[in-house]
Amino acid sequence: MKLDQDLIHYLTKEDFRVLTAIEMGMKNHELVPAQLIQSIAKLKRANTFKIIQNLLKHKLIMHKNTKCDGYALNYPGYDYLALRVFMKRGHITKIGSKFGVGKESDIYLCETPEGENIIVKLERLGRTSFRAVKDKRDYLKHRTSFSWFYISRLAAKKEYAFMKALYERGFPTPKPIDYNRHAILMSRVDAYPMTHIAEMINPKEVYIKLMNLCIQLAENGLIHGDFNEFNLMIDDKENVTLIDFPQMISIDHKDAKFYFNRDVQCIQKYFDRKYNMIFEDKPTLDNDVQRKEDIIDIEKEENETIELIQITDQQNQEETKSENSHEEPEAEGEGGDQETEGEKEAQEEKEQESEAEGEGEQHETDTQASKFKTRKVINKEYVRDKVKIEKMRMKEKAKYKRNVNKAKNKGKKKQANFDDYL
């Protein structure tokens, strides 16, 4: 689906409230019912329905009415939630045109408040060109059920963590700025993909740089896993920049040798096909790699990603609650003080009454509990609907009895006419 770059400026707070409500509801529901959206967003029923129709019009959400009636997010709606966070944090002001398309991501140009161009990468796991995630990625581990949005969030967090760790240690990568949900914000590199380059001035030097880069990654405990001409960028001075990190694995992985040899073979095939270069030998993981300190612990990082995603979900819930509250903080503070004073007075009165009458306390607590229960149950719309249903049932019963009586009367008349005839 195409992303409308200007639509985000026309969406209101209520639109984003409904989008976040659907996102929160999708944690436990495949399709989120309209009543749950209304309760989470804390909007009126008519207003919620109007907003849902507007979001359906722009294809930010989808509606299904198969086994149950409900709504779910589309990737454009998920994109707007992440981009809005970047705008709130002051990273970007505008969204530009599409800069690139991959099998598992879309890349867009964005503009900063200073007028600089940066890149936002939106993970798109689950599209038809890349659905074999269980076989090609280790995001799920032993899980059987999953959501494409959740996997995209894991991929974005993993790529951001690797990019940040590599950039801080001097590896040639884009500068990571921020990430949210399935979106990564990074600096723009003034270079070209290696597949788009027709000729190189010194292809041998570039080949040596790439082999050294592959060995340096392995010495720091990492293997890229997709080290080819599509994930390498070269500028006018033939400096190499490495991109695309979600498939990185540790050197302790059971298939580490296979992936390392595959990365080396991809580069050798490219230079052999395009520049007719002949290679006598190739670097191996056992002989040419002298392991140093690991840049990042992958298992620890994956556990931290899940914890961090849970924390961000809690923060999103708190933000929606704060947005939904229409009262000012000063008024809340004054009301809280009044409530605490009133509670103290009530407690003192209860203590005095308990000293005077011991048996009266049990009766009062029972009545309070019953009142509390009735308060929970009472809901005007629910009661109104229930009364309507009961009225319809009474009418149906009355119709049924009327029809039965009519049938009986008809039978009696027929018998009387037959007797008279005889």
Protein backbone atom coordinates (compact mmCIF):
# COMPACT_ATOMS: atom_id res chain seq x y z
CA MET A 1 0.00 0.00 0.00
CA LYS A 2 1.20 3.50 -0.81
CA LEU A 3 1.85 5.96 1.99
CA ASP A 4 0.23 9.37 1.59
CA GLN A 5 2.90 11.81 2.80
CA ASP A 6 0.49 14.73 3.37
CA LEU A 7 -2.31 12.87 5.14
CA ILE A 8 -0.50 12.83 8.50
CA HIS A 9 -0.85 16.63 8.74
CA TYR A 10 -4.65 16.39 8.38
CA LEU A 11 -5.29 13.63 10.92
CA THR A 12 -6.68 14.87 14.25
CA LYS A 13 -5.94 13.77 17.81
CA GLU A 14 -9.15 11.75 17.83
CA ASP A 15 -7.99 9.87 14.70
CA PHE A 16 -4.74 8.92 16.40
CA ARG A 17 -6.68 7.97 19.54
CA VAL A 18 -8.72 5.47 17.54
CA LEU A 19 -5.57 4.13 15.82
CA THR A 20 -3.82 3.61 19.18
CA ALA A 21 -6.97 2.01 20.59
CA ILE A 22 -7.01 -0.50 17.72
CA GLU A 23 -3.28 -1.13 18.21
CA MET A 24 -3.79 -1.81 21.92
CA GLY A 25 -6.81 -4.01 21.23
CA MET A 26 -4.86 -6.11 18.71
CA LYS A 27 -2.66 -7.47 21.52
CA ASN A 28 -5.49 -9.80 22.54
CA HIS A 29 -7.81 -9.65 19.51
CA GLU A 30 -7.29 -10.45 15.87
CA LEU A 31 -10.23 -8.14 15.10
CA VAL A 32 -11.03 -5.38 17.59
CA PRO A 33 -14.79 -4.79 18.08
CA ALA A 34 -16.16 -1.26 17.88
CA GLN A 35 -17.29 -1.24 21.53
CA LEU A 36 -13.75 -2.00 22.72
CA ILE A 37 -12.34 0.77 20.49
CA GLN A 38 -14.86 3.18 21.95
CA SER A 39 -13.99 2.22 25.55
CA ILE A 40 -10.21 2.46 25.04
CA ALA A 41 -10.34 5.72 23.08
CA LYS A 42 -12.95 7.15 25.51
CA LEU A 43 -14.96 8.79 22.75
CA LYS A 44 -18.68 9.00 22.09
CA ARG A 45 -20.28 6.28 20.01
CA ALA A 46 -21.28 8.50 17.08
CA ASN A 47 -17.89 10.24 17.00
CA THR A 48 -16.05 6.91 17.09
CA PHE A 49 -18.10 5.55 14.19
CA LYS A 50 -17.42 8.69 12.14
CA ILE A 51 -13.65 8.45 12.76
CA ILE A 52 -13.62 4.75 11.87
CA GLN A 53 -15.35 5.50 8.57
CA ASN A 54 -12.76 8.19 7.80
CA LEU A 55 -9.87 5.82 8.57
CA LEU A 56 -11.46 3.12 6.39
CA LYS A 57 -11.75 5.64 3.58
CA HIS A 58 -7.98 6.29 3.66
CA LYS A 59 -7.25 2.54 4.10
CA LEU A 60 -5.45 3.01 7.41
CA ILE A 61 -7.53 0.23 8.96
CA MET A 62 -9.51 -2.71 7.59
CA HIS A 63 -12.91 -4.13 8.49
CA LYS A 64 -13.92 -7.80 8.51
CA ASN A 65 -17.30 -9.34 9.26
CA THR A 66 -16.71 -13.08 8.97
CA LYS A 67 -17.02 -14.90 12.28
CA CYS A 68 -16.94 -11.71 14.32
CA ASP A 69 -17.29 -8.04 13.43
CA GLY A 70 -14.16 -5.99 14.08
CA TYR A 71 -11.35 -3.78 12.81
CA ALA A 72 -7.57 -4.19 12.43
CA LEU A 73 -4.64 -1.95 11.52
CA ASN A 74 -3.07 -1.80 8.09
CA TYR A 75 0.60 -0.96 7.61
CA PRO A 76 -0.11 2.69 6.59
CA GLY A 77 -1.97 3.26 9.87
CA TYR A 78 0.92 1.69 11.78
CA ASP A 79 3.33 3.93 9.83
CA TYR A 80 1.49 7.09 10.86
CA LEU A 81 1.64 6.11 14.54
CA ALA A 82 5.43 5.75 14.35
CA LEU A 83 5.96 8.88 12.24
CA ARG A 84 3.82 10.96 14.60
CA VAL A 85 6.15 9.98 17.47
CA PHE A 86 9.18 11.17 15.45
CA MET A 87 7.40 14.46 14.80
CA LYS A 88 6.55 14.89 18.49
CA ARG A 89 10.17 14.25 19.45
CA GLY A 90 11.31 16.94 17.02
CA HIS A 91 13.29 14.71 14.64
CA ILE A 92 11.28 15.37 11.46
CA THR A 93 8.82 17.93 10.14
CA LYS A 94 7.94 16.57 6.67
CA ILE A 95 7.78 13.21 4.91
CA GLY A 96 9.17 13.14 1.39
CA SER A 97 8.98 10.71 -1.48
CA LYS A 98 9.79 7.03 -1.48
CA PHE A 99 13.55 6.55 -1.67
CA GLY A 100 13.80 2.79 -2.04
CA VAL A 101 11.89 -0.50 -1.83
CA GLY A 102 13.11 -3.83 -0.53
CA LYS A 103 11.65 -7.27 -0.03
CA GLU A 104 11.02 -6.51 3.66
CA SER A 105 11.07 -2.69 4.01
CA ASP A 106 10.20 0.66 2.43
CA ILE A 107 12.50 3.70 2.67
CA TYR A 108 11.32 7.33 2.65
CA LEU A 109 13.11 10.66 2.71
CA CYS A 110 12.27 12.99 5.60
CA GLU A 111 13.15 16.57 6.43
CA THR A 112 14.49 17.74 9.80
CA PRO A 113 13.65 21.12 11.40
CA GLU A 114 17.10 22.33 10.20
CA GLY A 115 16.21 21.45 6.60
CA GLU A 116 18.47 18.37 6.30
CA ASN A 117 17.39 15.16 4.58
CA ILE A 118 17.35 11.98 6.63
CA ILE A 119 15.94 8.51 5.99
CA VAL A 120 13.19 6.56 7.71
CA LYS A 121 13.07 2.81 7.15
CA LEU A 122 9.68 1.14 7.62
CA GLU A 123 9.81 -2.63 8.14
CA ARG A 124 7.29 -4.52 6.00
CA LEU A 125 7.60 -8.13 7.14
CA GLY A 126 4.66 -10.19 5.95
CA ARG A 127 4.34 -8.95 2.39
CA THR A 128 3.92 -11.60 -0.32
CA SER A 129 7.57 -11.37 -1.45
CA PHE A 130 8.90 -12.29 2.02
CA ARG A 131 6.70 -14.60 4.08
CA ALA A 132 9.18 -17.38 5.02
CA VAL A 133 10.20 -15.61 8.24
CA LYS A 134 10.32 -18.79 10.32
CA ASP A 135 12.93 -20.33 8.00
CA LYS A 136 15.05 -17.26 7.25
CA ARG A 137 14.93 -15.33 10.54
CA ASP A 138 15.25 -16.34 14.20
CA TYR A 139 12.81 -13.76 15.60
CA LEU A 140 10.22 -16.24 16.79
CA LYS A 141 12.49 -18.92 18.31
CA HIS A 142 10.01 -21.52 19.63
CA ARG A 143 6.82 -19.50 19.15
CA THR A 144 4.10 -20.81 16.89
CA SER A 145 1.65 -17.87 16.77
CA PHE A 146 2.79 -14.38 15.83
CA SER A 147 1.72 -11.05 14.39
CA TRP A 148 3.45 -9.35 11.45
CA PHE A 149 3.43 -6.04 13.31
CA TYR A 150 5.16 -7.61 16.30
CA ILE A 151 7.84 -9.25 14.13
CA SER A 152 8.42 -5.95 12.31
CA ARG A 153 8.94 -4.25 15.68
CA LEU A 154 11.46 -6.92 16.69
CA ALA A 155 13.31 -6.52 13.37
CA ALA A 156 13.46 -2.72 13.74
CA LYS A 157 14.74 -2.90 17.33
CA LYS A 158 17.34 -5.50 16.40
CA GLU A 159 18.59 -3.53 13.40
CA TYR A 160 18.75 -0.29 15.40
CA ALA A 161 20.74 -2.01 18.18
CA PHE A 162 23.27 -3.47 15.71
CA MET A 163 23.59 -0.21 13.77
CA LYS A 164 24.19 1.78 16.95
CA ALA A 165 26.78 -0.68 18.29
CA LEU A 166 28.66 -0.80 14.98
CA TYR A 167 28.55 2.97 14.44
CA GLU A 168 29.93 3.68 17.92
CA ARG A 169 32.90 1.34 17.24
CA GLY A 170 33.85 3.00 13.95
CA PHE A 171 32.29 0.64 11.42
CA PRO A 172 31.07 2.27 8.16
CA THR A 173 27.30 2.41 8.78
CA PRO A 174 24.67 5.18 8.66
CA LYS A 175 24.25 7.19 11.86
CA PRO A 176 21.26 5.86 13.86
CA ILE A 177 19.00 8.62 15.21
CA ASP A 178 15.93 7.00 16.75
CA TYR A 179 13.41 4.20 16.35
CA ASN A 180 9.77 3.63 17.24
CA ARG A 181 7.59 0.59 16.64
CA HIS A 182 8.69 -0.74 13.22
CA ALA A 183 10.39 2.46 11.98
CA ILE A 184 14.10 3.38 12.13
CA LEU A 185 15.40 6.91 11.65
CA MET A 186 18.95 7.23 10.31
CA SER A 187 21.21 9.66 8.48
CA ARG A 188 21.38 9.76 4.71
CA VAL A 189 24.57 8.43 3.11
CA ASP A 190 25.87 10.19 -0.02
CA ALA A 191 26.60 6.96 -1.83
CA TYR A 192 25.12 4.55 -4.39
CA PRO A 193 24.16 0.89 -4.12
CA MET A 194 26.88 -1.34 -5.51
CA THR A 195 24.44 -2.89 -7.97
CA HIS A 196 23.89 0.50 -9.68
CA ILE A 197 27.60 1.13 -10.31
CA ALA A 198 28.70 0.38 -13.87
CA GLU A 199 32.48 0.56 -13.38
CA MET A 200 34.98 0.98 -10.55
CA ILE A 201 38.37 2.67 -10.72
CA ASN A 202 40.09 0.17 -8.40
CA PRO A 203 37.92 -2.94 -8.04
CA LYS A 204 40.72 -4.88 -6.32
CA GLU A 205 41.00 -2.33 -3.54
CA VAL A 206 37.24 -2.38 -3.04
CA TYR A 207 37.31 -6.18 -2.88
CA ILE A 208 40.06 -6.10 -0.24
CA LYS A 209 38.08 -3.55 1.79
CA LEU A 210 35.01 -5.78 1.71
CA MET A 211 36.94 -8.89 2.77
CA ASN A 212 38.58 -6.97 5.62
CA LEU A 213 35.18 -5.65 6.69
CA CYS A 214 33.73 -9.16 6.73
CA ILE A 215 36.68 -10.40 8.83
CA GLN A 216 36.44 -7.44 11.24
CA LEU A 217 32.78 -8.20 11.87
CA ALA A 218 33.63 -11.83 12.62
CA GLU A 219 36.48 -10.80 14.94
CA ASN A 220 33.96 -8.77 16.94
CA GLY A 221 31.57 -11.72 17.18
CA LEU A 222 29.13 -10.93 14.34
CA ILE A 223 28.29 -12.29 10.89
CA HIS A 224 26.22 -10.12 8.57
CA GLY A 225 24.29 -12.97 6.94
CA ASP A 226 23.34 -10.99 3.81
CA PHE A 227 26.68 -9.48 2.74
CA ASN A 228 26.13 -8.83 -0.97
CA GLU A 229 26.01 -6.03 -3.55
CA PHE A 230 22.43 -5.08 -2.58
CA ASN A 231 23.40 -4.20 1.01
CA LEU A 232 26.63 -2.33 0.23
CA MET A 233 26.94 1.30 -0.83
CA ILE A 234 29.94 3.01 -2.46
CA ASP A 235 30.54 6.75 -2.82
CA ASP A 236 32.62 8.66 -5.42
CA LYS A 237 35.85 7.97 -3.51
CA GLU A 238 35.02 4.25 -3.39
CA ASN A 239 34.43 4.21 0.36
CA VAL A 240 32.15 1.36 1.47
CA THR A 241 29.07 1.73 3.68
CA LEU A 242 27.28 -1.27 5.17
CA ILE A 243 23.47 -1.33 5.53
CA ASP A 244 20.64 -3.76 6.42
CA PHE A 245 21.33 -5.59 9.71
CA PRO A 246 18.23 -7.49 10.92
CA GLN A 247 19.58 -10.88 9.74
CA MET A 248 22.89 -10.60 11.67
CA ILE A 249 23.85 -13.62 13.77
CA SER A 250 26.48 -14.40 16.38
CA ILE A 251 29.73 -16.19 15.59
CA ASP A 252 28.62 -18.84 18.12
CA HIS A 253 25.61 -19.76 15.96
CA LYS A 254 25.48 -23.41 14.88
CA ASP A 255 25.48 -22.36 11.19
CA ALA A 256 28.04 -19.55 11.57
CA LYS A 257 30.54 -21.11 9.15
CA PHE A 258 27.90 -21.58 6.49
CA TYR A 259 26.77 -17.93 6.64
CA PHE A 260 30.34 -16.60 6.74
CA ASN A 261 31.31 -18.65 3.66
CA ARG A 262 28.13 -17.56 1.89
CA ASP A 263 28.91 -13.87 2.52
CA VAL A 264 32.41 -14.34 1.06
CA GLN A 265 31.09 -16.27 -1.95
CA CYS A 266 28.49 -13.56 -2.73
CA ILE A 267 31.22 -10.91 -3.01
CA GLN A 268 33.52 -13.17 -5.04
CA LYS A 269 30.72 -14.08 -7.48
CA TYR A 270 29.90 -10.41 -7.99
CA PHE A 271 33.49 -9.39 -8.80
CA ASP A 272 34.01 -12.50 -10.92
CA ARG A 273 30.87 -11.84 -12.95
CA LYS A 274 31.38 -8.09 -13.42
CA TYR A 275 35.17 -7.60 -13.45
CA ASN A 276 36.45 -11.09 -14.37
CA MET A 277 38.55 -11.32 -11.22
CA ILE A 278 40.11 -14.67 -10.31
CA PHE A 279 40.47 -15.63 -6.64
CA GLU A 280 43.05 -18.19 -5.55
CA ASP A 281 41.79 -18.53 -2.00
CA LYS A 282 39.12 -17.14 0.29
CA PRO A 283 39.09 -16.24 3.99
CA THR A 284 37.71 -18.82 6.39
CA LEU A 285 36.24 -18.50 9.84
CA ASP A 286 38.74 -20.86 11.52
CA ASN A 287 42.02 -19.64 10.00
CA ASP A 288 41.66 -15.92 9.25
CA VAL A 289 39.52 -14.72 12.16
CA GLN A 290 41.10 -13.87 15.52
CA ARG A 291 38.23 -13.30 17.87
CA LYS A 292 38.17 -10.17 20.02
CA GLU A 293 35.55 -8.84 22.42
CA ASP A 294 31.98 -9.21 21.20
CA ILE A 295 30.28 -6.00 20.16
CA ILE A 296 26.87 -7.09 21.39
CA ASP A 297 25.34 -10.14 23.06
CA ILE A 298 22.57 -11.23 20.71
CA GLU A 299 20.58 -13.39 23.16
CA LYS A 300 20.69 -10.66 25.80
CA GLU A 301 19.70 -8.07 23.21
CA GLU A 302 16.69 -10.12 22.06
CA ASN A 303 15.44 -10.47 25.64
CA GLU A 304 15.91 -6.73 26.16
CA THR A 305 13.96 -6.01 22.97
CA ILE A 306 10.92 -7.92 24.25
CA GLU A 307 11.12 -6.17 27.64
CA LEU A 308 11.57 -2.79 25.96
CA ILE A 309 8.58 -3.40 23.69
CA GLN A 310 6.47 -4.16 26.77
CA ILE A 311 7.69 -0.95 28.41
CA THR A 312 6.88 1.11 25.31
CA ASP A 313 3.40 -0.46 25.20
CA GLN A 314 2.85 0.64 28.80
CA GLN A 315 4.07 4.14 27.91
CA ASN A 316 1.64 4.25 24.97
CA GLN A 317 -1.20 3.27 27.30
CA GLU A 318 -0.20 6.00 29.75
CA GLU A 319 -0.04 8.54 26.91
CA THR A 320 -3.52 7.62 25.70
CA LYS A 321 -4.86 7.88 29.26
CA SER A 322 -3.26 11.30 29.70
CA GLU A 323 -4.68 12.45 26.34
CA ASN A 324 -8.11 11.17 27.24
CA SER A 325 -8.19 12.99 30.59
CA HIS A 326 -9.78 16.41 29.99
CA GLU A 327 -9.12 17.81 33.46
CA GLU A 328 -6.20 20.14 34.24
CA PRO A 329 -3.41 18.92 36.56
CA GLU A 330 -4.00 21.70 39.11
CA ALA A 331 -7.63 20.76 39.50
CA GLU A 332 -6.64 17.12 39.89
CA GLY A 333 -4.20 18.03 42.67
CA GLU A 334 -6.80 20.04 44.57
CA GLY A 335 -9.37 17.28 44.20
CA GLY A 336 -6.85 14.71 45.42
CA ASP A 337 -6.18 16.73 48.59
CA GLN A 338 -9.90 17.07 49.25
CA GLU A 339 -10.38 13.35 48.75
CA THR A 340 -7.58 12.48 51.17
CA GLU A 341 -9.05 14.78 53.85
CA GLY A 342 -12.51 13.32 53.31
CA GLU A 343 -11.12 9.77 53.55
CA LYS A 344 -9.44 10.59 56.87
CA GLU A 345 -12.68 11.98 58.30
CA ALA A 346 -14.61 8.94 57.10
CA GLN A 347 -12.08 6.59 58.68
CA GLU A 348 -12.33 8.42 62.02
CA GLU A 349 -16.13 8.19 61.94
CA LYS A 350 -15.96 4.48 61.15
CA GLU A 351 -13.58 3.88 64.06
CA GLN A 352 -15.93 5.66 66.46
CA GLU A 353 -18.92 3.68 65.22
CA SER A 354 -16.99 0.40 65.43
CA GLU A 355 -16.16 1.05 69.08
CA ALA A 356 -19.85 1.76 69.85
CA GLU A 357 -21.44 -1.00 67.76
CA GLY A 358 -19.48 -4.08 66.77
CA GLU A 359 -22.27 -5.89 65.00
CA GLY A 360 -23.28 -2.89 62.90
CA GLU A 361 -19.97 -2.94 61.02
CA GLN A 362 -20.60 -6.28 59.34
CA HIS A 363 -24.02 -5.15 58.16
CA GLU A 364 -22.60 -1.89 56.79
CA THR A 365 -19.76 -3.64 54.97
CA ASP A 366 -22.25 -6.04 53.38
CA THR A 367 -24.43 -3.18 52.22
CA GLN A 368 -21.40 -1.28 50.87
CA ALA A 369 -20.23 -4.33 48.97
CA SER A 370 -23.69 -4.82 47.48
CA LYS A 371 -23.81 -1.15 46.47
CA PHE A 372 -20.37 -1.46 44.87
CA LYS A 373 -21.50 -4.48 42.89
CA THR A 374 -24.62 -2.75 41.67
CA ARG A 375 -22.58 0.26 40.61
CA LYS A 376 -20.34 -1.98 38.53
CA VAL A 377 -23.26 -3.67 36.79
CA ILE A 378 -25.30 -0.56 36.03
CA ASN A 379 -24.86 0.63 32.46
CA LYS A 380 -27.56 2.69 30.78
CA GLU A 381 -27.00 1.40 27.25
CA TYR A 382 -26.83 -2.23 28.45
CA VAL A 383 -30.06 -1.87 30.46
CA ARG A 384 -31.82 -0.14 27.55
CA ASP A 385 -30.84 -2.92 25.14
CA LYS A 386 -31.89 -5.58 27.61
CA VAL A 387 -35.32 -4.00 28.09
CA LYS A 388 -35.83 -3.89 24.32
CA ILE A 389 -34.89 -7.57 23.98
CA GLU A 390 -37.29 -8.56 26.77
CA LYS A 391 -40.11 -6.59 25.14
CA MET A 392 -39.49 -8.35 21.82
CA ARG A 393 -39.58 -11.73 23.57
CA MET A 394 -42.86 -10.89 25.28
CA LYS A 395 -44.40 -9.87 21.96
CA GLU A 396 -43.23 -13.09 20.30
CA LYS A 397 -44.68 -15.18 23.15
CA ALA A 398 -48.00 -13.34 22.88
CA LYS A 399 -48.10 -13.94 19.09
CA TYR A 400 -47.33 -17.61 19.58
CA LYS A 401 -50.15 -18.03 22.15
CA ARG A 402 -52.58 -16.13 19.91
CA ASN A 403 -51.80 -18.39 16.95
CA VAL A 404 -52.19 -21.52 19.10
CA ASN A 405 -55.60 -20.36 20.36
CA LYS A 406 -56.74 -19.58 16.82
CA ALA A 407 -55.76 -23.07 15.66
CA LYS A 408 -57.64 -24.66 18.56
CA ASN A 409 -60.79 -22.64 17.84
CA LYS A 410 -60.68 -23.60 14.16
CA GLY A 411 -60.49 -27.29 15.09
CA LYS A 412 -63.47 -27.02 17.43
CA LYS A 413 -65.62 -25.30 14.77
CA LYS A 414 -64.84 -28.01 12.24
CA GLN A 415 -65.84 -30.75 14.68
CA ALA A 416 -69.16 -28.97 15.53
CA ASN A 417 -70.08 -28.61 11.84
CA PHE A 418 -69.34 -32.30 11.23
CA ASP A 419 -71.56 -33.36 14.18
CA ASP A 420 -74.44 -31.23 12.90
CA TYR A 421 -74.07 -32.79 9.46
CA LEU A 422 -74.34 -36.27 10.94
